[in-house]
N, C-alpha and C. Protein backbone atom coordinates (compact mmCIF):
# COMPACT_ATOMS: atom_id res chain seq x y z
N MET A 1 -21.48 2.19 -37.70
CA MET A 1 -20.95 2.93 -37.17
C MET A 1 -20.78 2.25 -35.77
N SER A 2 -19.55 1.77 -35.09
CA SER A 2 -20.18 1.37 -33.59
C SER A 2 -18.87 2.49 -32.87
N SER A 3 -19.38 2.72 -31.59
CA SER A 3 -18.34 3.09 -30.88
C SER A 3 -17.70 2.45 -29.75
N THR A 4 -17.09 2.07 -28.70
CA THR A 4 -17.01 2.20 -28.01
C THR A 4 -16.92 2.73 -26.69
N ILE A 5 -17.85 2.50 -25.44
CA ILE A 5 -17.59 2.81 -24.32
C ILE A 5 -16.66 2.77 -23.21
N PRO A 6 -15.81 3.39 -23.09
CA PRO A 6 -14.74 3.02 -21.69
C PRO A 6 -15.64 2.48 -20.50
N ASN A 7 -14.58 1.59 -20.36
CA ASN A 7 -15.33 0.71 -18.72
C ASN A 7 -15.43 2.03 -17.49
N PRO A 8 -16.31 2.62 -16.62
CA PRO A 8 -15.71 3.59 -15.59
C PRO A 8 -15.10 2.68 -14.79
N THR A 9 -14.24 3.34 -14.10
CA THR A 9 -13.30 3.16 -12.93
C THR A 9 -14.36 2.09 -11.76
N PRO A 10 -13.82 1.30 -11.38
CA PRO A 10 -14.67 0.64 -10.30
C PRO A 10 -14.48 1.32 -8.78
N THR A 11 -15.68 1.58 -8.52
CA THR A 11 -15.13 2.41 -7.09
C THR A 11 -15.71 1.64 -6.10
N LEU A 12 -16.25 2.17 -4.69
CA LEU A 12 -16.49 1.79 -3.75
C LEU A 12 -16.71 2.59 -2.40
N ASP A 13 -17.83 2.00 -1.80
CA ASP A 13 -18.26 3.14 -0.97
C ASP A 13 -17.82 3.06 0.12
N ALA A 14 -18.05 4.57 0.86
CA ALA A 14 -17.05 4.72 2.59
C ALA A 14 -17.68 3.51 3.16
N HIS A 15 -18.38 2.82 2.90
CA HIS A 15 -19.40 1.87 4.23
C HIS A 15 -18.60 0.68 3.97
N THR A 16 -18.27 0.44 2.92
CA THR A 16 -17.53 -0.95 2.40
C THR A 16 -16.20 -1.01 2.39
N LEU A 17 -15.86 0.35 1.95
CA LEU A 17 -14.08 0.46 2.67
C LEU A 17 -13.65 0.33 4.14
N ARG A 18 -14.48 1.17 5.07
CA ARG A 18 -14.37 1.23 6.29
C ARG A 18 -14.50 -0.51 6.89
N GLU A 19 -15.29 -1.08 6.04
CA GLU A 19 -15.17 -2.89 6.37
C GLU A 19 -14.37 -3.30 6.08
N GLN A 20 -13.95 -3.07 5.17
CA GLN A 20 -12.34 -3.84 4.22
C GLN A 20 -11.16 -3.31 5.19
N TRP A 21 -11.28 -2.21 5.52
CA TRP A 21 -10.30 -1.51 6.24
C TRP A 21 -9.86 -2.16 7.72
N GLY A 22 -11.06 -2.36 8.27
CA GLY A 22 -11.00 -2.56 9.84
C GLY A 22 -10.91 -4.56 9.47
N CYS A 23 -10.79 -5.09 8.52
CA CYS A 23 -10.62 -6.91 8.98
C CYS A 23 -8.76 -7.13 8.84
N SER A 24 -8.54 -7.79 8.87
CA SER A 24 -7.16 -8.24 9.29
C SER A 24 -6.38 -8.34 8.21
N ASP A 25 -6.40 -8.79 7.56
CA ASP A 25 -6.18 -8.36 5.76
C ASP A 25 -5.97 -6.76 5.58
N GLY A 26 -6.57 -6.77 5.53
CA GLY A 26 -6.83 -4.65 5.56
C GLY A 26 -7.09 -4.76 3.91
N VAL A 27 -6.71 -3.70 3.39
CA VAL A 27 -6.45 -3.07 2.19
C VAL A 27 -5.26 -1.94 1.94
N ARG A 28 -4.54 -1.85 0.60
CA ARG A 28 -4.11 -0.76 0.53
C ARG A 28 -5.10 0.39 0.04
N VAL A 29 -4.72 1.80 0.91
CA VAL A 29 -5.22 2.84 0.62
C VAL A 29 -4.51 3.93 -0.15
N LEU A 30 -4.40 4.24 -1.03
CA LEU A 30 -3.05 5.42 -1.61
C LEU A 30 -3.97 6.57 -1.76
N ASP A 31 -3.58 8.04 -1.13
CA ASP A 31 -4.18 8.88 -1.34
C ASP A 31 -3.46 9.70 -2.07
N VAL A 32 -3.93 10.31 -3.53
CA VAL A 32 -3.37 10.72 -4.38
C VAL A 32 -3.41 12.29 -4.15
N ARG A 33 -3.81 13.33 -3.13
CA ARG A 33 -4.42 14.45 -2.93
C ARG A 33 -2.27 15.13 -2.62
N THR A 34 -2.30 16.20 -2.56
CA THR A 34 -1.08 16.74 -2.09
C THR A 34 -0.78 16.37 -0.85
N PRO A 35 0.78 16.41 -0.72
CA PRO A 35 1.32 16.19 0.77
C PRO A 35 0.38 17.09 1.86
N ALA A 36 0.18 18.06 1.31
CA ALA A 36 -0.42 18.89 2.42
C ALA A 36 -1.61 18.84 2.91
N GLU A 37 -2.73 18.63 2.03
CA GLU A 37 -4.13 17.93 1.89
C GLU A 37 -3.76 16.75 2.95
N PHE A 38 -3.05 15.68 2.87
CA PHE A 38 -2.76 14.29 3.20
C PHE A 38 -2.32 14.85 4.64
N GLU A 39 -1.63 15.59 4.99
CA GLU A 39 -1.16 15.73 5.92
C GLU A 39 -2.27 16.24 7.22
N ALA A 40 -3.13 17.69 6.42
CA ALA A 40 -4.68 17.73 6.97
C ALA A 40 -5.52 16.60 7.47
N ALA A 41 -5.77 16.18 6.79
CA ALA A 41 -6.49 14.77 7.11
C ALA A 41 -6.65 13.83 6.38
N HIS A 42 -6.44 12.35 7.07
CA HIS A 42 -5.87 11.10 6.17
C HIS A 42 -6.67 10.19 6.13
N ILE A 43 -6.59 9.11 6.38
CA ILE A 43 -7.33 7.70 6.15
C ILE A 43 -6.27 6.85 7.03
N PRO A 44 -6.37 6.86 8.28
CA PRO A 44 -5.31 6.21 8.91
C PRO A 44 -4.77 4.80 8.47
N GLY A 45 -3.25 4.77 8.20
CA GLY A 45 -2.83 3.68 7.38
C GLY A 45 -2.92 3.89 5.97
N SER A 46 -2.96 4.91 5.44
CA SER A 46 -2.87 5.51 3.98
C SER A 46 -2.03 5.98 3.35
N TYR A 47 -1.24 5.58 2.23
CA TYR A 47 -0.12 6.40 1.96
C TYR A 47 -0.10 7.21 0.82
N ASN A 48 0.29 7.94 1.39
CA ASN A 48 0.53 9.35 0.27
C ASN A 48 1.16 9.62 -1.59
N VAL A 49 0.67 9.57 -2.82
CA VAL A 49 0.99 9.60 -3.56
C VAL A 49 0.78 10.62 -4.41
N PRO A 50 1.11 11.74 -4.27
CA PRO A 50 0.37 12.69 -5.31
C PRO A 50 0.30 12.22 -6.58
N LEU A 51 -1.00 12.67 -7.83
CA LEU A 51 -1.45 12.52 -8.76
C LEU A 51 -0.59 12.92 -9.36
N ASP A 52 0.31 13.89 -9.28
CA ASP A 52 1.64 13.96 -9.89
C ASP A 52 2.55 13.62 -10.19
N GLN A 53 2.70 12.44 -9.27
CA GLN A 53 3.59 11.60 -8.83
C GLN A 53 3.17 9.94 -9.28
N VAL A 54 2.12 9.55 -9.52
CA VAL A 54 1.44 8.33 -9.98
C VAL A 54 2.30 8.17 -11.61
N SER A 55 2.12 9.08 -12.26
CA SER A 55 2.56 8.64 -14.16
C SER A 55 4.03 8.86 -13.83
N GLU A 56 4.91 8.99 -12.59
CA GLU A 56 6.64 9.00 -12.76
C GLU A 56 6.54 7.87 -12.10
N HIS A 57 5.77 7.11 -11.36
CA HIS A 57 5.85 6.48 -10.52
C HIS A 57 5.49 4.69 -11.33
N ARG A 58 4.97 5.07 -12.04
CA ARG A 58 3.16 4.00 -12.34
C ARG A 58 4.01 2.54 -12.49
N ASP A 59 5.18 2.37 -12.44
CA ASP A 59 5.32 0.75 -12.59
C ASP A 59 6.03 0.37 -11.42
N ARG A 60 6.26 1.21 -10.26
CA ARG A 60 6.83 1.07 -9.19
C ARG A 60 5.44 0.69 -8.29
N LEU A 61 4.25 1.85 -9.17
CA LEU A 61 3.01 1.70 -8.14
C LEU A 61 2.51 -0.20 -8.17
N VAL A 62 2.52 -0.40 -9.71
CA VAL A 62 2.20 -1.23 -10.21
C VAL A 62 2.48 -2.47 -9.79
N ALA A 63 3.88 -2.72 -9.39
CA ALA A 63 4.68 -3.63 -9.04
C ALA A 63 4.16 -3.89 -7.11
N HIS A 64 3.85 -3.03 -6.91
CA HIS A 64 3.98 -3.03 -5.13
C HIS A 64 2.20 -3.08 -4.49
N ILE A 65 1.14 -2.19 -5.18
CA ILE A 65 0.10 -1.72 -4.46
C ILE A 65 -0.86 -3.29 -4.54
N GLY A 66 -0.73 -4.18 -5.58
CA GLY A 66 -1.58 -4.86 -5.10
C GLY A 66 -3.16 -4.74 -5.55
N PRO A 67 -3.72 -5.75 -6.49
CA PRO A 67 -4.79 -5.55 -7.00
C PRO A 67 -6.25 -5.19 -6.06
N GLU A 68 -6.30 -5.02 -5.06
CA GLU A 68 -7.31 -4.56 -4.09
C GLU A 68 -7.03 -3.31 -3.86
N ALA A 69 -6.37 -2.32 -4.01
CA ALA A 69 -5.65 -1.30 -3.44
C ALA A 69 -7.21 -0.30 -4.02
N VAL A 70 -7.16 0.84 -3.39
CA VAL A 70 -7.98 1.57 -3.27
C VAL A 70 -7.70 3.20 -3.10
N LEU A 71 -8.14 4.06 -4.24
CA LEU A 71 -7.42 5.35 -4.37
C LEU A 71 -8.54 6.32 -3.90
N VAL A 72 -7.88 7.48 -3.02
CA VAL A 72 -8.59 8.38 -2.29
C VAL A 72 -8.01 9.54 -2.78
N CYS A 73 -8.90 10.53 -3.08
CA CYS A 73 -8.36 11.94 -2.53
C CYS A 73 -9.57 12.79 -2.24
N ARG A 74 -9.88 14.08 -2.31
CA ARG A 74 -10.89 14.77 -1.79
C ARG A 74 -12.22 14.45 -2.11
N SER A 75 -12.20 14.71 -3.83
CA SER A 75 -13.81 14.24 -3.42
C SER A 75 -14.15 12.49 -5.02
N GLY A 76 -12.89 12.44 -5.49
CA GLY A 76 -12.67 11.31 -5.97
C GLY A 76 -12.69 11.36 -7.91
N ALA A 77 -12.33 12.89 -7.93
CA ALA A 77 -11.80 13.54 -9.28
C ALA A 77 -10.43 13.15 -9.72
N ARG A 78 -9.29 13.42 -9.01
CA ARG A 78 -7.95 12.85 -8.78
C ARG A 78 -7.72 11.15 -8.88
N ALA A 79 -8.70 10.80 -7.80
CA ALA A 79 -8.23 9.50 -7.89
C ALA A 79 -8.51 8.88 -9.15
N ARG A 80 -9.88 8.65 -9.89
CA ARG A 80 -10.07 8.41 -11.17
C ARG A 80 -8.65 8.80 -12.15
N GLN A 81 -8.56 10.22 -11.60
CA GLN A 81 -7.38 10.07 -12.99
C GLN A 81 -6.00 9.29 -13.19
N ALA A 82 -5.44 9.14 -11.26
CA ALA A 82 -5.09 8.10 -10.94
C ALA A 82 -5.16 6.56 -11.35
N ALA A 83 -6.31 6.34 -11.62
CA ALA A 83 -6.47 4.96 -11.93
C ALA A 83 -6.74 4.75 -13.44
N ASP A 84 -7.15 6.01 -14.02
CA ASP A 84 -6.78 5.79 -15.52
C ASP A 84 -5.31 5.43 -15.76
N ILE A 85 -4.02 6.36 -15.27
CA ILE A 85 -2.81 6.04 -15.43
C ILE A 85 -2.62 4.57 -14.96
N LEU A 86 -3.11 3.96 -13.75
CA LEU A 86 -2.63 2.49 -13.71
C LEU A 86 -3.60 1.39 -14.39
N ALA A 87 -4.23 2.27 -14.85
CA ALA A 87 -4.79 1.24 -16.08
C ALA A 87 -4.60 1.62 -17.44
N ALA A 88 -4.05 2.17 -17.74
CA ALA A 88 -3.40 2.36 -19.13
C ALA A 88 -2.31 1.00 -18.78
N GLN A 89 -1.46 0.70 -17.59
CA GLN A 89 -0.37 0.06 -17.46
C GLN A 89 -0.92 -1.53 -16.92
N GLY A 90 -1.86 -1.57 -17.20
CA GLY A 90 -2.97 -3.27 -17.46
C GLY A 90 -3.08 -3.50 -15.70
N MET A 91 -3.19 -2.14 -14.82
CA MET A 91 -3.90 -2.95 -13.64
C MET A 91 -5.14 -1.90 -13.54
N THR A 92 -5.80 -2.69 -13.66
CA THR A 92 -7.11 -2.46 -13.57
C THR A 92 -8.64 -3.01 -12.83
N GLY A 93 -7.75 -3.39 -11.55
CA GLY A 93 -8.12 -4.02 -10.18
C GLY A 93 -8.73 -2.86 -9.29
N VAL A 94 -7.97 -1.80 -9.75
CA VAL A 94 -8.09 -0.41 -8.18
C VAL A 94 -8.96 0.15 -8.70
N ARG A 95 -9.50 0.11 -7.44
CA ARG A 95 -11.25 1.15 -6.77
C ARG A 95 -10.78 2.38 -7.29
N VAL A 96 -11.78 3.13 -6.79
CA VAL A 96 -11.55 4.21 -6.31
C VAL A 96 -12.39 4.38 -5.24
N LEU A 97 -12.62 5.70 -4.18
CA LEU A 97 -13.58 5.95 -3.32
C LEU A 97 -14.61 6.69 -3.58
N HIS A 98 -15.35 6.13 -4.10
CA HIS A 98 -16.58 6.63 -4.10
C HIS A 98 -17.11 8.40 -3.07
N GLY A 99 -16.65 9.57 -3.80
CA GLY A 99 -17.04 10.40 -2.83
C GLY A 99 -15.69 10.72 -2.25
N GLY A 100 -14.76 9.94 -2.29
CA GLY A 100 -13.46 10.40 -1.73
C GLY A 100 -13.31 10.65 -0.23
N MET A 101 -12.63 11.59 0.35
CA MET A 101 -12.50 12.12 2.00
C MET A 101 -13.71 12.67 2.37
N LEU A 102 -14.01 13.04 1.17
CA LEU A 102 -15.50 13.63 1.84
C LEU A 102 -17.03 12.80 2.11
N ALA A 103 -16.70 11.27 1.53
CA ALA A 103 -17.14 10.36 1.89
C ALA A 103 -16.86 10.08 3.20
N TRP A 104 -15.73 9.27 3.61
CA TRP A 104 -15.00 8.48 4.22
C TRP A 104 -15.36 9.49 5.64
N GLU A 105 -14.96 10.69 5.82
CA GLU A 105 -15.33 11.46 6.62
C GLU A 105 -17.23 11.69 7.06
N GLY A 106 -17.69 12.04 5.97
CA GLY A 106 -19.33 11.56 6.24
C GLY A 106 -19.88 10.83 6.99
N VAL A 107 -19.42 9.27 6.85
CA VAL A 107 -19.98 8.29 7.35
C VAL A 107 -19.24 7.92 8.73
N ASP A 108 -18.19 9.17 9.28
CA ASP A 108 -18.06 9.15 10.23
C ASP A 108 -16.86 8.25 10.98
N ALA A 109 -15.44 7.64 9.75
CA ALA A 109 -14.62 6.80 9.70
C ALA A 109 -13.88 7.50 10.16
N PRO A 110 -12.61 6.74 10.42
CA PRO A 110 -11.43 7.09 11.34
C PRO A 110 -10.64 7.91 10.45
N VAL A 111 -9.97 9.35 11.11
CA VAL A 111 -9.03 9.98 10.00
C VAL A 111 -8.27 10.41 11.10
N ASN A 112 -6.71 10.30 10.56
CA ASN A 112 -5.61 11.50 11.15
C ASN A 112 -5.85 12.55 10.88
N ARG A 113 -6.26 13.54 11.97
CA ARG A 113 -6.06 14.77 11.41
C ARG A 113 -4.40 15.85 12.24
N GLY A 114 -3.48 16.49 11.18
CA GLY A 114 -2.49 17.10 10.78
C GLY A 114 -2.92 18.86 11.41
N ARG A 115 -1.81 19.28 10.82
CA ARG A 115 -1.53 20.89 10.52
C ARG A 115 -2.71 21.23 8.78
N GLN A 116 -4.30 22.06 9.52
CA GLN A 116 -4.52 22.25 8.60
C GLN A 116 -4.42 23.21 7.35
N THR A 117 -4.72 22.98 6.17
CA THR A 117 -4.63 24.22 4.87
C THR A 117 -5.92 23.70 4.04
N TRP A 118 -5.58 24.67 3.16
CA TRP A 118 -7.15 24.90 2.17
C TRP A 118 -6.46 23.30 0.85
N ASP A 119 -7.31 22.88 0.91
CA ASP A 119 -7.67 21.97 -0.34
C ASP A 119 -6.86 22.88 -1.59
N LEU A 120 -6.68 21.84 -1.92
CA LEU A 120 -6.70 22.04 -3.69
C LEU A 120 -7.45 22.80 -4.72
N GLU A 121 -8.62 22.33 -4.18
CA GLU A 121 -9.48 22.79 -5.17
C GLU A 121 -10.51 24.44 -4.38
N ARG A 122 -9.99 24.67 -3.46
CA ARG A 122 -10.25 26.05 -2.80
C ARG A 122 -8.77 26.95 -2.96
N GLN A 123 -7.91 26.07 -3.35
CA GLN A 123 -6.50 27.06 -3.64
C GLN A 123 -7.04 27.65 -5.28
N VAL A 124 -7.46 26.39 -6.07
CA VAL A 124 -7.73 26.98 -7.73
C VAL A 124 -9.08 28.11 -7.43
N ARG A 125 -9.79 28.04 -6.82
CA ARG A 125 -11.12 29.17 -6.61
C ARG A 125 -10.55 30.52 -6.02
N PHE A 126 -9.58 30.06 -5.29
CA PHE A 126 -9.04 31.49 -4.83
C PHE A 126 -8.12 32.35 -6.32
N ALA A 127 -7.31 31.53 -6.54
CA ALA A 127 -6.08 31.94 -7.74
C ALA A 127 -6.88 31.93 -8.73
N ALA A 128 -7.93 31.37 -9.09
CA ALA A 128 -8.76 32.25 -10.70
C ALA A 128 -9.49 33.39 -10.21
N GLY A 129 -9.98 33.29 -8.90
CA GLY A 129 -11.21 34.81 -8.73
C GLY A 129 -10.21 35.71 -8.38
N SER A 130 -8.94 35.81 -7.74
CA SER A 130 -7.88 37.01 -7.60
C SER A 130 -7.31 37.05 -8.68
N LEU A 131 -7.14 35.74 -9.97
CA LEU A 131 -6.69 36.60 -11.20
C LEU A 131 -7.84 37.47 -11.93
N VAL A 132 -8.97 36.77 -12.19
CA VAL A 132 -9.88 37.11 -13.04
C VAL A 132 -10.37 38.73 -12.34
N LEU A 133 -10.65 39.03 -11.57
CA LEU A 133 -10.82 40.15 -10.50
C LEU A 133 -9.18 41.01 -10.65
N SER A 134 -7.89 41.00 -11.01
CA SER A 134 -7.03 41.15 -10.97
C SER A 134 -7.10 42.17 -12.33
N GLY A 135 -7.81 41.06 -13.30
CA GLY A 135 -7.52 41.68 -14.96
C GLY A 135 -8.76 42.31 -15.12
N ILE A 136 -9.67 42.19 -14.53
CA ILE A 136 -11.13 43.37 -14.46
C ILE A 136 -10.79 44.62 -14.03
N ILE A 137 -9.91 44.86 -12.64
CA ILE A 137 -9.61 46.01 -12.00
C ILE A 137 -8.54 46.81 -12.52
N GLY A 138 -7.44 45.70 -13.34
CA GLY A 138 -6.61 46.50 -14.30
C GLY A 138 -6.84 47.15 -15.60
N SER A 139 -8.32 46.38 -15.80
CA SER A 139 -8.33 47.16 -17.03
C SER A 139 -9.30 48.36 -16.83
N MET A 140 -9.46 48.83 -16.00
CA MET A 140 -9.77 50.06 -15.87
C MET A 140 -8.67 51.17 -16.22
N VAL A 141 -7.37 50.56 -16.32
CA VAL A 141 -6.09 51.55 -16.26
C VAL A 141 -5.85 51.10 -17.85
N VAL A 142 -5.56 49.81 -18.59
CA VAL A 142 -4.67 48.98 -18.97
C VAL A 142 -6.06 48.52 -19.81
N PRO A 143 -7.03 48.76 -20.95
CA PRO A 143 -8.21 48.08 -20.97
C PRO A 143 -7.80 46.94 -21.99
N HIS A 144 -6.85 46.51 -22.26
CA HIS A 144 -6.84 44.82 -22.56
C HIS A 144 -6.40 44.12 -22.00
N LEU A 145 -6.06 44.57 -20.58
CA LEU A 145 -6.09 43.46 -19.23
C LEU A 145 -7.19 42.55 -19.41
N LYS A 146 -8.43 43.07 -20.09
CA LYS A 146 -10.03 42.18 -19.77
C LYS A 146 -9.64 41.04 -20.62
N TRP A 147 -8.67 40.79 -21.37
CA TRP A 147 -8.22 39.03 -22.48
C TRP A 147 -8.42 38.68 -21.05
N PHE A 148 -6.81 39.15 -20.29
CA PHE A 148 -6.21 38.19 -19.33
C PHE A 148 -7.13 37.56 -18.41
N SER A 149 -8.63 38.29 -18.25
CA SER A 149 -9.98 37.59 -17.47
C SER A 149 -10.48 36.64 -18.48
N GLY A 150 -10.63 36.75 -19.87
CA GLY A 150 -11.25 35.96 -20.41
C GLY A 150 -10.69 34.60 -20.90
N ALA A 151 -9.45 35.03 -20.33
CA ALA A 151 -7.93 33.47 -20.80
C ALA A 151 -8.35 32.97 -19.12
N ILE A 152 -8.58 33.35 -18.37
CA ILE A 152 -8.56 32.45 -17.23
C ILE A 152 -10.07 31.73 -17.44
N GLY A 153 -10.87 32.70 -17.46
CA GLY A 153 -12.38 32.27 -17.72
C GLY A 153 -12.41 30.78 -18.49
N THR A 154 -11.64 30.66 -19.79
CA THR A 154 -11.46 29.64 -20.87
C THR A 154 -11.23 29.10 -20.58
N GLY A 155 -9.28 29.15 -19.28
CA GLY A 155 -9.27 28.13 -18.96
C GLY A 155 -9.54 26.77 -18.39
N LEU A 156 -10.82 27.62 -17.17
CA LEU A 156 -11.45 27.30 -15.97
C LEU A 156 -12.88 26.41 -17.14
N VAL A 157 -13.32 26.99 -17.93
CA VAL A 157 -14.28 26.27 -18.99
C VAL A 157 -14.00 24.94 -19.42
N PHE A 158 -12.59 25.05 -19.75
CA PHE A 158 -11.49 23.69 -20.43
C PHE A 158 -11.34 22.81 -19.45
N ALA A 159 -11.27 23.51 -18.28
CA ALA A 159 -10.96 22.43 -17.04
C ALA A 159 -12.12 21.61 -16.83
N ALA A 160 -13.04 22.48 -17.19
CA ALA A 160 -14.56 21.44 -16.57
C ALA A 160 -14.82 20.61 -17.86
N VAL A 161 -14.72 20.97 -18.90
CA VAL A 161 -14.83 20.14 -20.14
C VAL A 161 -14.22 18.93 -19.74
N SER A 162 -12.69 19.13 -19.78
CA SER A 162 -11.68 18.07 -20.11
C SER A 162 -11.65 17.09 -19.19
N ASN A 163 -12.12 17.84 -17.41
CA ASN A 163 -11.29 16.97 -16.17
C ASN A 163 -10.26 17.03 -15.43
N THR A 164 -9.63 18.11 -16.16
CA THR A 164 -8.44 18.07 -15.57
C THR A 164 -7.85 19.82 -15.17
N CYS A 165 -7.11 19.63 -14.92
CA CYS A 165 -6.72 21.14 -14.09
C CYS A 165 -5.61 21.82 -14.28
N ALA A 166 -4.86 22.43 -15.11
CA ALA A 166 -3.79 22.71 -15.36
C ALA A 166 -3.37 23.83 -13.80
N MET A 167 -4.09 24.82 -13.84
CA MET A 167 -4.15 25.16 -12.28
C MET A 167 -3.83 25.05 -11.36
N GLY A 168 -4.50 23.57 -11.51
CA GLY A 168 -4.78 23.19 -10.29
C GLY A 168 -2.87 22.04 -9.71
N SER A 169 -3.10 21.67 -11.28
CA SER A 169 -1.63 20.74 -11.24
C SER A 169 0.04 21.85 -11.02
N ALA A 170 -0.66 23.37 -11.37
CA ALA A 170 0.62 23.77 -11.00
C ALA A 170 0.77 24.46 -9.38
N LEU A 171 -0.48 24.64 -8.76
CA LEU A 171 -0.37 24.75 -7.20
C LEU A 171 0.21 23.48 -6.88
N ALA A 172 -0.43 22.70 -7.01
CA ALA A 172 0.07 21.15 -6.03
C ALA A 172 1.16 20.78 -6.37
N ARG A 173 2.05 21.83 -6.89
CA ARG A 173 3.33 21.53 -6.98
C ARG A 173 4.50 22.96 -6.47
N MET A 174 3.98 23.52 -5.72
CA MET A 174 4.31 24.78 -4.80
C MET A 174 4.37 24.56 -3.57
N PRO A 175 5.90 25.42 -2.77
CA PRO A 175 6.19 24.37 -1.43
C PRO A 175 5.30 24.27 -0.51
N TRP A 176 4.11 25.05 -0.19
CA TRP A 176 3.10 24.67 0.54
C TRP A 176 2.55 23.45 0.83
N ASN A 177 2.56 23.22 -0.71
CA ASN A 177 1.59 22.18 -0.91
C ASN A 177 2.39 20.54 -0.92
N ARG A 178 3.52 21.22 -0.94
CA ARG A 178 4.77 19.54 -0.92
C ARG A 178 5.32 19.16 0.09
N ALA A 179 5.62 20.23 1.75
CA ALA A 179 6.19 19.85 2.81
C ALA A 179 5.32 19.16 4.02
N ALA A 180 5.85 17.57 4.32
CA ALA A 180 5.02 16.39 4.68
C ALA A 180 6.28 15.41 5.20
N ASP A 181 5.94 14.89 6.19
CA ASP A 181 6.56 13.32 6.82
C ASP A 181 5.96 12.61 6.93
N HIS A 182 5.27 11.45 5.91
CA HIS A 182 4.09 10.74 6.63
C HIS A 182 4.58 9.73 5.13
N PRO A 183 3.58 8.75 5.61
CA PRO A 183 3.65 7.19 4.76
C PRO A 183 3.86 7.62 2.81
N GLY A 184 4.66 7.32 2.00
CA GLY A 184 4.46 7.65 0.85
C GLY A 184 5.22 6.72 -0.01
N LEU A 185 5.08 6.85 -1.45
CA LEU A 185 5.70 6.16 -2.23
C LEU A 185 7.30 5.31 -1.47
N GLU A 186 7.83 6.07 -1.35
CA GLU A 186 9.32 5.09 -0.88
C GLU A 186 8.72 4.54 0.58
N ASP A 187 8.06 4.46 1.13
CA ASP A 187 7.53 3.67 2.28
C ASP A 187 6.21 2.12 1.65
N LEU A 188 6.17 2.52 0.55
CA LEU A 188 5.01 1.35 -0.24
C LEU A 188 5.46 0.05 -0.27
N ALA A 189 5.80 -0.78 0.62
CA ALA A 189 5.68 -2.34 0.50
C ALA A 189 4.80 -3.10 0.20
N PRO A 190 5.15 -4.19 -0.88
CA PRO A 190 4.68 -4.94 -1.03
C PRO A 190 3.48 -5.63 -0.15
N ASP A 191 4.34 -5.46 1.26
CA ASP A 191 3.04 -6.45 2.59
C ASP A 191 2.05 -5.49 3.07
N ALA A 192 2.19 -4.06 2.51
CA ALA A 192 2.17 -3.14 4.15
C ALA A 192 0.34 -3.09 3.61
N ARG A 193 -0.48 -3.31 4.65
CA ARG A 193 -1.92 -2.86 4.18
C ARG A 193 -2.44 -1.74 4.97
N ALA A 194 -3.11 -1.27 4.39
CA ALA A 194 -4.14 -0.09 6.11
C ALA A 194 -5.03 -1.15 6.24
N THR A 195 -4.87 -0.81 7.97
CA THR A 195 -5.67 -1.49 9.37
C THR A 195 -5.57 -0.23 10.19
N PRO A 196 -6.63 -1.00 10.92
CA PRO A 196 -7.05 0.68 12.03
C PRO A 196 -5.96 0.77 13.14
């Protein structure tokens, strides 16, 4: 019995991206975080295409981002998901910034900063914790509410095992994570590259 192990998504470390970012040809950087996270801090010259829009607009992205594009999120998990979506369309040269914005900021690379908000992972922790706590407190009055807390815990375990997060996807669609006026999908042109 033989099994094939899928090729891991190619990554790029923050130092290398910083060098390529500073070249005259530049590199196309797509940030797949929510617009609010992008507004709080992003790589200068990058474009915001939230993960939940990558699948919907994958054909347009494949046609416009070029083979040297780099995908960015907070830590790399959402960028890998976006890379998998694009790879399914035949775009296998896309790379992911290893360590995401945390790594980029860790090498003291330039960052455009705006209105500060909670990143999506922090929102998920707050929402999940609040729901579990509410279920436990509520179970003092309605004993069956303990199962609500159990369901939230089960969802978190599934999120860890599958490397997906339904709660994160739902929170990404909330109004506070949507509003922003910044370079996005509509501004993506075939010749645009991120440069200092």
